[in-house]
Every structure is written in structure tokens, then in C-alpha cells.
């Protein structure tokens, strides 16, 4: 057996040593770059607990935390169970700014280089303080049992507000927080709307929905946005219920409907033993799967979903075919589908699962002839999907709006009531007790008795 012995020449040893040194130097360089990147930004993949991003409307989590107002950041750290490590960290931004001004004025008599150095030191201290808070908030967010989300909300004037919300908060609670930050009125028309640029869709988030849950369906690279807007169509069904429940009647008849009749329609539809969904039906354009071809079909709305009449069939229940159920889909209005999908009109809406964020064969496309028909279908579908919860949302929003209105000026009804009271008092002063009118004559002149068997609302 022959044994081979290999000897390493000095030149080979030197070459291997140089290669090892080069690799070690490269490794150190990579570690240095990694450390720098971790110091300046936190990767979302490391921070995510597994159910989506921690911020909406920002490029990364650090940016979203920096956009938070100082007191909101302090509240976040406190809510996450942290403790302030220095007295400086507990100071609000305004107080820190005033301290900086006082110290700057006190040092104005010093030589210029010393004043500049002290000013720079104070600014660095303030920046470092917020950086420490952000670092602490990032650590606590990773450990938090209740999921929290930092959201940029766009306002109608082009500005934005940054909010910290958690998974327990409803859309109604987020709206209340925005009322405080924007100091706007508490009208029932204010809405949080999600927009999807990829699909060119929009949806009003319902007040009872959990805000974080609705946004968790968005993909990580989503360009979706949240807008805070006044949308009168949000509760138009409860302001003019006759338009949706008596839509077969002529417009001239609907315009003569009194407030008393509107209340009766709402009472019968939402306060009875069972919910009454508008019996809406009519021709709509349906987009065929995977094609830009729209065909007319006759659709009918029911509490469980939308049905259509197959060719050669009648509107009998036994002949109807189910188009879609409402359990796992949301309804979205669209923008410029006449150009995007060659729709007959731009009055379109779609029904899809909230997790579908891009064009898919599982989206149901429908197109209406005009804006009025679109309003009928969208709002009636919302009633069929959410039921009496939608009505309760409206009632709660109406109570808040009424409570927030200033009472410095009397309303028209109060003026009329005060005027009638004054007239009655003057009449009572003119007549003697013997000639006082009966209780029946003391009723307001515009009182109209109801027929037997009915009660005054």
C-alpha cells in the first residue's frame, strides 16, 4: 500500500491565510451593514406577529411611530406596560420645547460657539428621547397580546391624522377619536372609507365592524388607503326609507311622503318580529368570468343573497338560481369601470371576499343603468347583509350628533311652541274661569286625531 504525503509549501500557506483574512473581512463588513440597518429601521418581517403588518399607510413601522403625536406615543408606551426610565421621557413635546427656549435665552449672552453647541445638544437630547420611546414601543409591540395598528387616515383637505388603534376598537370608536382630533361636527354622514387603487373600489366601513380586523385583510404591499370623509349615502336609507321600500311607486307619490309615514316604514321594517329587506328586483348587467363582455340578466334581492332568472324561466322561487350569498362577501362601489372593464356605464358595484385585493375570477361584477339604481342596490344589499345592526348603528350615530349640537339658538319647532304657549296664555287672561274652554279645545290648532286603533308616535 502506497502512502502519499502532501506538504504545504509556504506560498500555499500564505495564500490560504490571505483568503481567510479576506473572507473574515467581508463577514465583518456584512455584520456592520446589518447592524446599521437595524439601528435605522426595523424590518416588518421581524416585527409582524404573524397576522399582517403593524402599520397602514407608511413605508415601515419606524416611520409610523415617528408620525405619532408625542402624547399618543406616550400613551402607547404606557398602555403596553412600560415604565419611563428618565424624567425627560415623561415630558410632553410642548414642555420640552419651552425648556429649550428658556435655556437658549439664558445662554444668549454667551459666546456664539458655546450657544450653538448647547442648542445642538438639546436638540439631540430631544431626538434621542423620542428614539428611545420608539425603541421601547417596538419591543412592547412585539410582546403585546392585544394586536395594535398604527394607521394614517387621510382627510378631505389633503392632510392626515395618525392613530394608534387596537383590535378591540370598532369603527365607531375610531370615528369618535377622529372627532376629538379634528374638532369637526359629529354628523351621521362622517365615515371611514377604504379605497383600493388596484381594483378602483371603495367601501364605507360599517360602525360596528372591528377596525383592525377589516384592515388585516390587506396584503403587505397593498396601496389601499383609509379616508375620513362625509358620505351622505351612508345612512340615506334611514333618512328616506320610502325610496327603498316603496321604489315601485311614482316619484310624485314618494315626494308627498310625510315624516310620520317614514317612521312607520322604519318601525315595520326594523323593529318588528322579523327584518324586512327591500324587495328589489330588475335588470342589471353581469360581467362574464374572465371576459370583458356584459350581459343583461334579471336579478332579485332576498335576505340570503342575490338571485337571477335563468333563460326561459320565470320569477317563481322554484325557478330562481342563486348568484351570490352575503355571508363571506362585502359590497364595494367602483370608479371608472367603463374604461377599466368596458362596462356599459360607470354605475357599477362588485361583491368579493375582503381578502381578494387584486383582479380575480372570484369577484362578482354588476352594472346599473343610472346612479339611482346603483344606490337602491348598494344600500338594500347592506340591509340584507347586516340587518338590524345597521339600523342600530344609525340610531347611535344620530344620538351622538344630536348631543353634540349647540343649543344656544332655538329651533323652528321651539319658536312655534313658544308662540303657541304665549297665545294660549293671552287667551286665558282674557276669559274668565267660567268660560274657559274644555280640554279638547285646548289642543294646538294643527292637531289631527288619529283613526281608532292607532297610536301617536
Protein backbone atom coordinates (compact mmCIF):
# COMPACT_ATOMS: atom_id res chain seq x y z
CA UNK A 1 0.00 0.00 0.00
CA UNK A 2 1.47 3.26 -1.02
CA UNK A 3 1.14 6.25 1.29
CA UNK A 4 1.17 9.71 -0.23
CA UNK A 5 2.35 12.58 1.91
CA UNK A 6 1.43 16.11 0.90
CA UNK A 7 3.48 19.00 2.07
CA UNK A 8 2.12 22.54 2.03
CA UNK A 9 4.55 25.00 0.62
CA UNK A 10 4.99 28.38 2.31
CA UNK A 11 3.40 30.13 -0.65
CA UNK A 12 0.26 27.97 -0.32
CA UNK A 13 0.05 28.69 3.40
CA UNK A 14 0.32 32.39 2.76
CA UNK A 15 -2.40 32.23 0.08
CA UNK A 16 -4.85 30.35 2.34
CA UNK A 17 -4.19 32.80 5.12
CA UNK A 18 -4.96 35.71 2.81
CA UNK A 19 -8.20 34.06 1.65
CA UNK A 20 -9.32 33.51 5.24
CA UNK A 21 -8.50 37.10 6.14
CA UNK A 22 -10.46 38.35 3.12
CA UNK A 23 -13.50 36.24 3.98
CA UNK A 24 -13.34 37.37 7.60
CA UNK A 25 -13.13 40.99 6.49
CA UNK A 26 -16.13 40.54 4.20
CA UNK A 27 -18.09 38.92 7.02
CA UNK A 28 -17.29 41.80 9.34
CA UNK A 29 -18.44 44.22 6.67
CA UNK A 30 -21.75 42.40 6.23
CA UNK A 31 -22.28 42.35 10.01
CA UNK A 32 -21.56 46.07 10.15
CA UNK A 33 -24.08 46.78 7.39
CA UNK A 34 -26.65 44.61 9.14
CA UNK A 35 -26.10 46.44 12.41
CA UNK A 36 -26.51 49.82 10.72
CA UNK A 37 -29.73 48.76 9.04
CA UNK A 38 -31.12 47.51 12.35
CA UNK A 39 -30.20 50.81 14.00
CA UNK A 40 -32.09 52.89 11.43
CA UNK A 41 -35.08 50.69 10.55
CA UNK A 42 -36.86 47.63 11.83
CA UNK A 43 -37.79 45.00 9.29
CA UNK A 44 -41.54 44.34 9.25
CA UNK A 45 -40.91 40.63 8.87
CA UNK A 46 -39.26 40.57 12.29
CA UNK A 47 -41.97 42.65 13.92
CA UNK A 48 -45.02 41.01 12.50
CA UNK A 49 -46.70 38.58 14.91
CA UNK A 50 -47.97 36.52 12.00
CA UNK A 51 -51.23 38.28 11.20
CA UNK A 52 -50.30 41.18 8.98
CA UNK A 53 -48.42 44.47 9.18
CA UNK A 54 -48.31 46.71 12.24
CA UNK A 55 -48.81 49.94 10.31
CA UNK A 56 -51.06 51.10 7.47
CA UNK A 57 -50.15 53.94 5.11
CA UNK A 58 -46.42 54.02 5.93
CA UNK A 59 -43.32 52.52 4.37
CA UNK A 60 -42.23 50.96 7.66
CA UNK A 61 -43.08 50.80 11.33
CA UNK A 62 -40.44 53.33 12.38
CA UNK A 63 -41.98 55.95 10.09
CA UNK A 64 -45.44 55.36 11.53
CA UNK A 65 -44.21 55.70 15.11
CA UNK A 66 -42.41 58.92 14.23
CA UNK A 67 -45.68 60.30 12.82
CA UNK A 68 -47.50 59.70 16.10
CA UNK A 69 -48.06 62.79 18.20
CA UNK A 70 -45.92 62.81 21.32
CA UNK A 71 -48.79 62.27 23.76
CA UNK A 72 -50.07 59.39 21.62
CA UNK A 73 -46.64 57.78 21.71
CA UNK A 74 -46.51 58.22 25.49
CA UNK A 75 -49.97 56.67 25.77
CA UNK A 76 -48.88 53.74 23.63
CA UNK A 77 -45.81 53.06 25.77
CA UNK A 78 -47.88 53.34 28.95
CA UNK A 79 -50.61 51.11 27.59
CA UNK A 80 -48.08 48.46 26.67
CA UNK A 81 -46.94 48.26 30.28
CA UNK A 82 -43.72 50.19 30.01
CA UNK A 83 -42.21 52.50 32.61
CA UNK A 84 -40.41 55.75 31.96
CA UNK A 85 -36.69 55.42 32.56
CA UNK A 86 -35.94 59.11 32.87
CA UNK A 87 -37.87 62.21 33.88
CA UNK A 88 -37.10 63.71 30.49
CA UNK A 89 -39.01 60.94 28.70
CA UNK A 90 -42.21 61.76 30.58
CA UNK A 91 -42.19 65.41 29.48
CA UNK A 92 -44.54 66.30 26.63
CA UNK A 93 -43.11 67.85 23.49
CA UNK A 94 -44.52 71.28 24.34
CA UNK A 95 -42.76 71.37 27.72
CA UNK A 96 -39.51 70.13 26.21
CA UNK A 97 -39.77 72.87 23.59
CA UNK A 98 -40.34 75.55 26.27
CA UNK A 99 -37.39 74.29 28.30
CA UNK A 100 -35.24 74.51 25.21
CA UNK A 101 -36.35 78.10 24.58
CA UNK A 102 -35.66 79.14 28.20
CA UNK A 103 -32.21 77.63 28.16
CA UNK A 104 -31.49 79.15 24.78
CA UNK A 105 -32.50 82.63 26.01
CA UNK A 106 -30.42 82.26 29.16
CA UNK A 107 -27.36 81.40 27.15
CA UNK A 108 -27.81 84.15 24.57
CA UNK A 109 -25.10 86.26 26.24
CA UNK A 110 -22.51 83.51 25.95
CA UNK A 111 -20.04 83.31 23.10
CA UNK A 112 -21.61 82.12 19.84
CA UNK A 113 -19.86 78.72 19.65
CA UNK A 114 -20.99 77.76 23.17
CA UNK A 115 -24.62 78.71 22.44
CA UNK A 116 -24.65 76.70 19.22
CA UNK A 117 -23.13 73.70 20.96
CA UNK A 118 -25.70 73.79 23.76
CA UNK A 119 -28.58 74.20 21.32
CA UNK A 120 -27.37 71.23 19.31
CA UNK A 121 -27.03 69.15 22.44
CA UNK A 122 -30.61 69.92 23.50
CA UNK A 123 -31.94 69.05 20.06
CA UNK A 124 -30.03 65.78 20.05
CA UNK A 125 -31.36 65.01 23.51
CA UNK A 126 -34.94 65.56 22.34
CA UNK A 127 -34.40 63.39 19.27
CA UNK A 128 -32.77 60.69 21.38
CA UNK A 129 -35.66 60.78 23.83
CA UNK A 130 -38.22 60.07 21.11
CA UNK A 131 -35.94 57.46 19.58
CA UNK A 132 -35.78 55.70 22.95
CA UNK A 133 -39.55 55.79 23.21
CA UNK A 134 -39.89 54.33 19.73
CA UNK A 135 -37.40 51.59 20.55
CA UNK A 136 -39.31 50.73 23.70
CA UNK A 137 -42.62 50.80 21.83
CA UNK A 138 -41.25 48.40 19.20
CA UNK A 139 -40.19 45.93 21.87
CA UNK A 140 -43.56 46.11 23.61
CA UNK A 141 -45.48 45.77 20.34
CA UNK A 142 -43.67 42.50 19.71
CA UNK A 143 -44.73 41.23 23.14
CA UNK A 144 -48.26 42.64 23.14
CA UNK A 145 -51.09 40.14 23.47
CA UNK A 146 -53.63 42.57 22.02
CA UNK A 147 -52.79 43.44 18.43
CA UNK A 148 -52.24 47.12 17.76
CA UNK A 149 -52.03 49.00 14.49
CA UNK A 150 -50.72 52.45 13.53
CA UNK A 151 -52.91 53.90 10.77
CA UNK A 152 -52.58 57.00 8.63
CA UNK A 153 -56.08 58.39 7.98
CA UNK A 154 -56.41 60.80 5.04
CA UNK A 155 -58.66 63.85 5.47
CA UNK A 156 -60.68 65.62 2.81
CA UNK A 157 -58.38 68.68 2.82
CA UNK A 158 -55.35 66.59 1.86
CA UNK A 159 -53.85 66.39 5.35
CA UNK A 160 -53.73 63.26 7.50
CA UNK A 161 -54.03 62.05 11.07
CA UNK A 162 -52.03 59.18 12.57
CA UNK A 163 -53.91 56.95 15.01
CA UNK A 164 -52.95 54.04 17.22
CA UNK A 165 -55.80 51.52 17.34
CA UNK A 166 -56.12 48.01 18.70
CA UNK A 167 -58.16 45.00 17.71
CA UNK A 168 -60.85 45.67 20.32
CA UNK A 169 -61.91 49.01 18.85
CA UNK A 170 -64.84 49.33 16.47
CA UNK A 171 -65.10 51.77 13.58
CA UNK A 172 -67.49 53.83 15.74
CA UNK A 173 -64.80 54.24 18.40
CA UNK A 174 -62.22 55.24 15.81
CA UNK A 175 -64.65 57.84 14.44
CA UNK A 176 -65.10 59.25 17.95
CA UNK A 177 -61.31 59.55 18.27
CA UNK A 178 -61.16 61.41 14.94
CA UNK A 179 -63.91 63.77 16.09
CA UNK A 180 -61.69 64.75 19.00
CA UNK A 181 -58.58 65.21 16.85
CA UNK A 182 -60.23 67.14 14.00
CA UNK A 183 -62.79 69.10 16.08
CA UNK A 184 -65.41 68.59 13.36
CA UNK A 185 -69.10 68.12 14.00
CA UNK A 186 -70.46 64.68 14.83
CA UNK A 187 -72.75 64.37 11.83
CA UNK A 188 -74.07 60.91 10.97
CA UNK A 189 -72.57 61.33 7.49
CA UNK A 190 -68.93 61.07 8.65
CA UNK A 191 -67.46 57.79 7.50
CA UNK A 192 -64.26 55.80 7.35
CA UNK A 193 -63.80 54.54 3.79
CA UNK A 194 -61.24 52.07 2.46
CA UNK A 195 -60.07 52.55 -1.12
CA UNK A 196 -58.28 50.01 -3.30
CA UNK A 197 -56.36 51.60 -6.22
CA UNK A 198 -55.64 48.21 -7.81
CA UNK A 199 -59.34 47.39 -8.17
CA UNK A 200 -60.53 51.02 -8.24
CA UNK A 201 -63.04 50.33 -5.49
CA UNK A 202 -64.26 51.98 -2.29
CA UNK A 203 -66.26 50.78 0.70
CA UNK A 204 -67.74 52.54 3.70
CA UNK A 205 -66.68 50.66 6.83
CA UNK A 206 -69.70 49.92 8.99
CA UNK A 207 -69.68 51.39 12.50
CA UNK A 208 -69.98 48.00 14.22
CA UNK A 209 -67.04 46.42 12.38
CA UNK A 210 -63.75 45.92 14.20
CA UNK A 211 -61.37 48.37 12.56
CA UNK A 212 -58.14 46.33 12.80
CA UNK A 213 -59.87 43.18 11.58
CA UNK A 214 -61.09 44.96 8.44
CA UNK A 215 -57.59 46.22 7.64
CA UNK A 216 -55.91 42.89 8.40
CA UNK A 217 -57.21 41.53 5.10
CA UNK A 218 -54.91 43.87 3.21
CA UNK A 219 -51.73 42.45 1.73
CA UNK A 220 -48.31 43.63 2.89
CA UNK A 221 -47.58 45.55 -0.32
CA UNK A 222 -51.10 46.98 -0.51
CA UNK A 223 -51.59 50.58 -1.65
CA UNK A 224 -55.01 50.74 -0.02
CA UNK A 225 -55.90 53.85 1.98
CA UNK A 226 -58.28 54.89 4.75
CA UNK A 227 -60.18 58.16 4.24
CA UNK A 228 -62.20 60.19 6.73
CA UNK A 229 -65.00 61.69 4.63
CA UNK A 230 -68.55 62.98 4.83
CA UNK A 231 -70.67 60.48 2.88
CA UNK A 232 -74.42 61.31 2.91
CA UNK A 233 -75.19 57.96 1.26
CA UNK A 234 -74.06 56.11 4.39
CA UNK A 235 -77.46 56.31 6.09
CA UNK A 236 -79.67 57.62 3.28
CA UNK A 237 -81.85 54.52 3.60
CA UNK A 238 -82.93 55.57 7.11
CA UNK A 239 -83.39 59.22 6.17
CA UNK A 240 -85.65 58.38 3.20
CA UNK A 241 -86.79 54.77 3.67
CA UNK A 242 -89.71 55.23 1.27
CA UNK A 243 -87.25 55.47 -1.65
CA UNK A 244 -86.06 51.90 -0.97
CA UNK A 245 -89.19 50.22 0.38
CA UNK A 246 -91.69 51.93 -1.95
CA UNK A 247 -89.45 52.18 -5.02
CA UNK A 248 -92.18 50.87 -7.35
CA UNK A 249 -94.34 53.96 -6.68
CA UNK A 250 -94.04 57.09 -8.88
CA UNK A 251 -91.65 59.81 -7.73
CA UNK A 252 -94.53 62.27 -7.33
CA UNK A 253 -96.06 59.92 -4.77
CA UNK A 254 -92.78 59.41 -2.90
CA UNK A 255 -92.22 63.16 -2.61
CA UNK A 256 -95.50 63.55 -0.70
CA UNK A 257 -94.49 61.05 1.99
CA UNK A 258 -94.67 62.60 5.47
CA UNK A 259 -92.24 62.14 8.36
CA UNK A 260 -94.91 60.12 10.13
CA UNK A 261 -95.02 57.65 7.25
CA UNK A 262 -91.21 57.36 7.23
CA UNK A 263 -91.23 56.46 10.92
CA UNK A 264 -93.89 53.83 10.32
CA UNK A 265 -91.86 52.30 7.48
CA UNK A 266 -88.76 52.09 9.69
CA UNK A 267 -90.73 50.71 12.61
CA UNK A 268 -92.31 47.99 10.49
CA UNK A 269 -89.07 47.06 8.70
CA UNK A 270 -86.57 47.11 11.59
CA UNK A 271 -88.47 46.98 14.87
CA UNK A 272 -90.89 44.17 14.14
CA UNK A 273 -90.57 40.46 14.83
CA UNK A 274 -88.53 39.97 11.64
CA UNK A 275 -86.34 42.12 9.43
CA UNK A 276 -87.93 43.27 6.17
CA UNK A 277 -85.47 43.60 3.28
CA UNK A 278 -86.47 45.81 0.32
CA UNK A 279 -87.99 43.57 -2.36
CA UNK A 280 -85.69 44.94 -5.02
CA UNK A 281 -85.55 43.44 -8.49
CA UNK A 282 -84.70 44.46 -12.03
CA UNK A 283 -82.34 44.19 -14.98
CA UNK A 284 -78.61 44.51 -14.31
CA UNK A 285 -75.53 43.93 -16.45
CA UNK A 286 -73.38 40.99 -15.41
CA UNK A 287 -69.72 40.67 -16.40
CA UNK A 288 -68.85 37.16 -17.52
CA UNK A 289 -65.93 35.41 -15.83
CA UNK A 290 -62.58 36.31 -17.34
CA UNK A 291 -64.15 38.32 -20.16
CA UNK A 292 -64.99 41.93 -20.85
CA UNK A 293 -68.47 41.01 -22.00
CA UNK A 294 -71.51 42.28 -20.07
CA UNK A 295 -74.90 40.63 -20.47
CA UNK A 296 -78.29 41.62 -19.10
CA UNK A 297 -79.94 39.40 -16.50
CA UNK A 298 -82.97 39.85 -14.27
CA UNK A 299 -81.88 39.90 -10.60
CA UNK A 300 -83.87 39.71 -7.38
CA UNK A 301 -82.72 40.63 -3.87
CA UNK A 302 -83.53 38.36 -0.94
CA UNK A 303 -82.37 38.32 2.67
CA UNK A 304 -79.95 35.45 1.98
CA UNK A 305 -78.41 36.77 -1.24
CA UNK A 306 -78.95 37.80 -4.85
CA UNK A 307 -80.78 35.51 -7.28
CA UNK A 308 -81.34 35.69 -11.03
CA UNK A 309 -83.84 34.31 -13.52
CA UNK A 310 -82.23 31.79 -15.91
CA UNK A 311 -83.12 31.97 -19.58
CA UNK A 312 -86.55 30.57 -20.31
CA UNK A 313 -87.56 30.54 -16.63
CA UNK A 314 -89.97 32.61 -14.55
CA UNK A 315 -89.62 34.67 -11.36
CA UNK A 316 -91.06 31.85 -9.26
CA UNK A 317 -88.89 30.81 -6.34
CA UNK A 318 -88.50 27.31 -7.78
CA UNK A 319 -87.00 28.73 -10.99
CA UNK A 320 -84.56 31.20 -9.43
CA UNK A 321 -80.82 30.50 -9.44
CA UNK A 322 -78.54 31.78 -6.69
CA UNK A 323 -75.98 34.35 -7.84
CA UNK A 324 -74.18 35.04 -4.53
CA UNK A 325 -74.71 34.72 -0.76
CA UNK A 326 -73.74 37.57 1.55
CA UNK A 327 -72.01 35.72 4.40
CA UNK A 328 -68.43 35.94 3.13
CA UNK A 329 -68.51 38.90 0.73
CA UNK A 330 -68.55 42.68 1.06
CA UNK A 331 -70.04 45.17 -1.36
CA UNK A 332 -67.83 47.82 -2.99
CA UNK A 333 -68.61 50.74 -5.26
CA UNK A 334 -66.30 51.30 -8.21
CA UNK A 335 -64.66 54.08 -10.18
CA UNK A 336 -64.36 54.39 -13.96
CA UNK A 337 -65.23 50.76 -14.80
CA UNK A 338 -66.48 51.90 -18.17
CA UNK A 339 -62.83 52.32 -19.17
CA UNK A 340 -61.22 49.64 -16.98
CA UNK A 341 -63.60 46.77 -17.82
CA UNK A 342 -65.64 48.15 -20.76
CA UNK A 343 -68.77 48.31 -18.60
CA UNK A 344 -71.97 49.74 -20.18
CA UNK A 345 -71.97 52.57 -17.57
CA UNK A 346 -69.80 53.75 -14.69
CA UNK A 347 -72.51 52.87 -12.14
CA UNK A 348 -71.02 49.53 -11.10
CA UNK A 349 -70.53 47.60 -7.87
CA UNK A 350 -68.73 44.39 -7.02
CA UNK A 351 -69.15 41.66 -4.42
CA UNK A 352 -65.99 39.91 -3.19
CA UNK A 353 -64.27 38.36 -0.21
CA UNK A 354 -62.31 41.04 1.72
CA UNK A 355 -59.03 39.12 1.27
CA UNK A 356 -59.21 39.44 -2.52
CA UNK A 357 -57.16 42.56 -3.19
CA UNK A 358 -56.44 42.21 -6.92
CA UNK A 359 -58.32 41.22 -10.05
CA UNK A 360 -59.72 37.70 -9.67
CA UNK A 361 -62.23 35.36 -11.23
CA UNK A 362 -63.93 35.12 -7.82
CA UNK A 363 -65.18 38.72 -7.98
CA UNK A 364 -68.82 39.31 -8.94
CA UNK A 365 -69.23 42.36 -11.22
CA UNK A 366 -72.61 44.08 -11.69
CA UNK A 367 -73.53 47.26 -13.54
CA UNK A 368 -76.59 49.52 -13.23
CA UNK A 369 -78.22 51.88 -15.70
CA UNK A 370 -78.05 55.01 -13.52
CA UNK A 371 -76.92 56.37 -10.15
CA UNK A 372 -80.35 55.98 -8.56
CA UNK A 373 -80.48 52.26 -9.36
CA UNK A 374 -76.95 51.85 -8.01
CA UNK A 375 -77.98 53.49 -4.73
CA UNK A 376 -81.01 51.20 -4.47
CA UNK A 377 -78.93 48.03 -4.86
CA UNK A 378 -75.93 49.02 -2.73
CA UNK A 379 -77.97 50.17 0.28
CA UNK A 380 -80.51 47.38 0.06
CA UNK A 381 -77.72 44.79 -0.04
CA UNK A 382 -76.22 46.37 3.09
CA UNK A 383 -79.57 45.89 4.85
CA UNK A 384 -79.76 42.27 3.71
CA UNK A 385 -76.19 41.60 4.90
CA UNK A 386 -76.14 43.42 8.25
CA UNK A 387 -79.82 43.50 9.19
CA UNK A 388 -80.96 45.46 12.24
CA UNK A 389 -77.34 46.11 13.29
CA UNK A 390 -77.18 48.75 10.55
CA UNK A 391 -80.29 50.43 11.98
CA UNK A 392 -78.81 50.43 15.48
CA UNK A 393 -75.63 51.99 14.10
CA UNK A 394 -77.71 54.80 12.65
CA UNK A 395 -79.60 55.37 15.89
CA UNK A 396 -76.36 55.56 17.90
CA UNK A 397 -74.82 57.98 15.39
CA UNK A 398 -77.98 60.11 15.48
CA UNK A 399 -77.90 60.32 19.29
CA UNK A 400 -74.27 61.43 19.22
CA UNK A 401 -74.99 64.04 16.54
CA UNK A 402 -77.93 65.45 18.50
CA UNK A 403 -75.96 65.54 21.75
CA UNK A 404 -73.09 67.44 20.12
CA UNK A 405 -75.24 70.17 18.59
CA UNK A 406 -75.08 73.54 20.38
CA UNK A 407 -78.37 74.60 21.98
CA UNK A 408 -77.76 78.37 22.01
CA UNK A 409 -80.30 79.08 19.26
CA UNK A 410 -83.89 77.80 19.46
CA UNK A 411 -85.13 75.58 16.68
CA UNK A 412 -88.11 76.41 14.48
CA UNK A 413 -90.29 73.96 16.43
CA UNK A 414 -89.29 75.58 19.72
CA UNK A 415 -90.17 79.03 18.35
CA UNK A 416 -93.59 77.81 17.19
CA UNK A 417 -94.20 76.10 20.52
CA UNK A 418 -93.27 79.23 22.48
CA UNK A 419 -95.53 81.33 20.24
CA UNK A 420 -98.49 78.97 20.81
CA UNK A 421 -97.91 78.99 24.56
CA UNK A 422 -97.92 82.80 24.54
CA UNK A 423 -101.19 82.87 22.58
CA UNK A 424 -102.86 80.42 24.96
CA UNK A 425 -101.69 82.44 27.96
CA UNK A 426 -103.06 85.67 26.43
CA UNK A 427 -106.41 83.97 25.71
CA UNK A 428 -106.57 82.66 29.27
CA UNK A 429 -106.04 86.18 30.59
CA UNK A 430 -108.96 87.50 28.51
CA UNK A 431 -111.59 84.89 29.51
CA UNK A 432 -112.99 84.20 32.96
CA UNK A 433 -112.73 80.75 34.61
CA UNK A 434 -116.42 80.10 33.89
CA UNK A 435 -115.91 80.48 30.15
CA UNK A 436 -112.65 78.51 29.93
CA UNK A 437 -112.65 76.06 27.01
CA UNK A 438 -112.70 72.31 27.54
CA UNK A 439 -109.50 70.26 27.43
CA UNK A 440 -110.35 69.12 23.93
CA UNK A 441 -110.37 72.71 22.66
CA UNK A 442 -107.03 73.47 24.34
CA UNK A 443 -105.16 71.25 21.86
CA UNK A 444 -102.90 73.01 19.30
CA UNK A 445 -104.83 74.20 16.23
CA UNK A 446 -102.93 71.85 13.90
CA UNK A 447 -103.69 68.71 15.92
CA UNK A 448 -105.38 65.98 13.85
CA UNK A 449 -106.84 63.00 15.79
CA UNK A 450 -105.67 59.59 14.61
CA UNK A 451 -108.16 56.96 13.43
CA UNK A 452 -109.38 54.43 16.06
CA UNK A 453 -106.87 51.68 16.82
CA UNK A 454 -103.75 53.75 16.03
CA UNK A 455 -101.44 55.47 18.49
CA UNK A 456 -99.48 58.69 18.16
CA UNK A 457 -95.71 58.08 17.60
